[in-house]
Each structure stands twice: as C-alpha cells, then as structure tokens.
Amino acid sequence: MPEPKRTTSEIRNGVQRDAFHLEGFTDTQWEMVSVYWIDAESDGGSGWQDPEDMIEYARRPLPIMHTVGLLVYEDAEQVAITDTKGPEEMGSITKIPRIWLKRFDRLGPISSKLEDAAPTPTTAHTTHPNARAG
C-alpha cells in the first residue's frame, strides 16, 4: 500500500522529514520548459445522456493545453513538470505522455529585471518633495 501523502506543515514540523529528505534536493537545478499538449477529456455522468449532445461533444476538437514549469523528469514516454520547488518541498507534478506533445521548448535564462526596478534605499525620515517645511 502506498505511503499516505504528507502535508507541507508535517514536513516543516519535522514529521517524517528524514524519510522525505532527498540528498542535494535544494541544489538540484531543473530546466524551465514550455509545453503545448493535447489533453484527453470525457463528458457525461452516471445517468443517461442525450445522444445529440454526446455526438456534438464527441466531434469537438481536443483542447490544447499550455504548461510552463520546471522539468523534473523526462524519458522516452513522458515528461514530468512542477510549478514550484522549495528547500524541502515541491508543488504537484503534471505527467504528460510524449505522444500528446504538440510543442516542447526548453527556456533559457534571461537577466532579471528585479534589480532595475528595485527602489533606491532611503532613510526613514525623508520628506515628500511637495511637503511644506514646518
């Protein structure tokens, strides 16, 4: 039987932390990727369906999905992508069969604009330029 999922709070509070720890996890660099892929879908429920509605649904094209994230794993059959990586936890994984891929792009790093937009340090007692001296 699979081990039950742990919550983030359980991981942070140290419960099962040793069993969960991956050597070098925080140092692992995953590539950023952009993937367009065809999704499978289904419609209907446990009751009877109207044949005309179901035939109309059956003829609709499959949706093209766009996922951007960190490439966690890939092999000949699949790619696995997550959206978040922390020091000892990570977000959920989306696994996509390669045969469903329409486009797969590996995204390269670009320079950060955060440094350009950062405000310059000021003292706590600065006065607004339009304020009157008093």
Protein backbone atom coordinates (compact mmCIF):
# COMPACT_ATOMS: atom_id res chain seq x y z
CA MET A 1 0.00 0.00 0.00
CA PRO A 2 1.44 3.45 -0.90
CA GLU A 3 2.59 5.75 1.87
CA PRO A 4 0.00 8.46 2.66
CA LYS A 5 0.79 11.92 1.37
CA ARG A 6 2.38 14.32 3.82
CA THR A 7 1.22 17.88 4.19
CA THR A 8 3.62 20.79 3.97
CA SER A 9 3.09 21.54 7.66
CA GLU A 10 4.04 17.96 8.56
CA ILE A 11 7.21 18.28 6.51
CA ARG A 12 8.10 21.66 8.02
CA ASN A 13 7.41 20.47 11.57
CA GLY A 14 9.87 17.61 11.08
CA VAL A 15 7.40 14.74 10.91
CA GLN A 16 8.90 12.13 8.59
CA ARG A 17 11.47 14.69 7.45
CA ASP A 18 14.32 12.16 7.47
CA ALA A 19 12.37 9.73 5.27
CA PHE A 20 11.40 12.54 2.92
CA HIS A 21 14.81 14.22 2.58
CA LEU A 22 16.42 13.93 -0.83
CA GLU A 23 20.18 14.33 -0.87
CA GLY A 24 21.07 17.54 -2.68
CA PHE A 25 17.43 18.45 -3.35
CA THR A 26 17.91 22.18 -2.86
CA ASP A 27 20.92 22.11 -5.18
CA THR A 28 19.04 20.35 -7.98
CA GLN A 29 18.66 22.63 -10.99
CA TRP A 30 15.65 21.82 -13.17
CA GLU A 31 15.21 23.35 -16.61
CA MET A 32 12.32 25.72 -17.23
CA VAL A 33 10.13 24.41 -20.07
CA SER A 34 7.06 25.43 -22.02
CA VAL A 35 4.87 22.59 -23.28
CA TYR A 36 1.81 22.66 -25.53
CA TRP A 37 -0.05 19.35 -25.39
CA ILE A 38 -3.31 17.72 -26.39
CA ASP A 39 -5.44 16.82 -23.40
CA ALA A 40 -7.81 13.88 -23.10
CA GLU A 41 -11.29 14.68 -21.83
CA SER A 42 -14.55 12.99 -21.05
CA ASP A 43 -18.14 14.10 -20.52
CA GLY A 44 -21.28 12.60 -19.12
CA GLY A 45 -22.01 11.13 -15.77
CA SER A 46 -23.60 8.17 -14.11
CA GLY A 47 -27.01 8.80 -15.71
CA TRP A 48 -28.25 8.57 -19.29
CA GLN A 49 -27.06 11.22 -21.72
CA ASP A 50 -28.77 12.88 -24.67
CA PRO A 51 -27.33 11.27 -27.85
CA GLU A 52 -27.27 14.55 -29.80
CA ASP A 53 -25.35 16.31 -27.02
CA MET A 54 -22.87 13.44 -26.74
CA ILE A 55 -22.29 13.26 -30.52
CA GLU A 56 -21.73 17.03 -30.61
CA TYR A 57 -19.27 16.67 -27.73
CA ALA A 58 -17.51 13.73 -29.44
CA ARG A 59 -16.91 15.83 -32.57
CA ARG A 60 -15.34 18.77 -30.76
CA PRO A 61 -11.55 19.02 -31.09
CA LEU A 62 -9.46 18.05 -28.10
CA PRO A 63 -8.20 21.00 -26.05
CA ILE A 64 -4.62 22.19 -26.46
CA MET A 65 -3.15 22.90 -23.03
CA HIS A 66 -0.11 25.06 -22.23
CA THR A 67 2.05 24.20 -19.23
CA VAL A 68 5.08 26.21 -18.15
CA GLY A 69 7.24 24.96 -15.30
CA LEU A 70 10.27 23.10 -14.08
CA LEU A 71 11.16 19.86 -15.84
CA VAL A 72 11.50 17.29 -13.06
CA TYR A 73 11.86 14.15 -15.18
CA GLU A 74 11.72 13.01 -18.79
CA ASP A 75 12.14 9.74 -20.64
CA ALA A 76 11.04 8.26 -23.96
CA GLU A 77 7.40 8.03 -22.84
CA GLN A 78 6.71 11.10 -20.71
CA VAL A 79 7.69 14.48 -19.31
CA ALA A 80 7.02 15.45 -15.69
CA ILE A 81 6.69 19.14 -14.76
CA THR A 82 6.18 21.00 -11.48
CA ASP A 83 5.39 24.65 -10.88
CA THR A 84 7.13 25.11 -7.54
CA LYS A 85 10.32 23.95 -5.80
CA GLY A 86 11.25 24.84 -2.25
CA PRO A 87 14.12 23.89 0.07
CA GLU A 88 12.43 20.69 1.27
CA GLU A 89 9.10 20.58 -0.55
CA MET A 90 7.72 20.95 -4.03
CA GLY A 91 4.44 21.50 -5.85
CA SER A 92 2.41 18.87 -7.61
CA ILE A 93 3.63 17.10 -10.74
CA THR A 94 1.92 17.04 -14.12
CA LYS A 95 2.95 14.00 -16.18
CA ILE A 96 2.30 14.27 -19.91
CA PRO A 97 2.74 11.41 -22.38
CA ARG A 98 5.21 12.44 -25.13
CA ILE A 99 2.78 11.29 -27.80
CA TRP A 100 0.40 14.06 -26.61
CA LEU A 101 3.03 16.81 -27.06
CA LYS A 102 2.46 19.37 -29.81
CA ARG A 103 5.40 21.62 -28.89
CA PHE A 104 8.18 21.35 -26.30
CA ASP A 105 10.51 24.30 -25.68
CA ARG A 106 13.39 24.47 -23.23
CA LEU A 107 13.52 28.02 -21.91
CA GLY A 108 16.89 29.63 -21.31
CA PRO A 109 17.68 32.08 -18.52
CA ILE A 110 17.20 35.78 -19.08
CA SER A 111 18.55 38.62 -16.99
CA SER A 112 16.35 39.64 -14.11
CA LYS A 113 14.59 42.98 -14.26
CA LEU A 114 14.13 42.99 -10.48
CA GLU A 115 17.41 44.80 -9.90
CA ASP A 116 16.39 47.53 -12.37
CA ALA A 117 13.03 48.05 -10.65
CA ALA A 118 14.31 47.97 -7.06
CA PRO A 119 13.79 51.24 -5.22
CA THR A 120 16.86 53.04 -4.02
CA PRO A 121 17.40 52.86 -0.26
CA THR A 122 16.18 55.91 1.62
CA THR A 123 16.23 56.96 5.25
CA ALA A 124 13.15 56.63 7.41
CA HIS A 125 12.83 60.42 7.82
CA THR A 126 12.63 61.54 4.21
CA THR A 127 10.10 64.19 3.31
CA HIS A 128 7.83 64.12 0.27
CA PRO A 129 9.09 66.70 -2.30
CA ASN A 130 5.77 68.60 -2.22
CA ALA A 131 5.54 68.73 1.59
CA ARG A 132 5.93 72.12 3.30
CA ALA A 133 8.65 72.62 5.79
CA GLY A 134 7.19 73.43 9.13
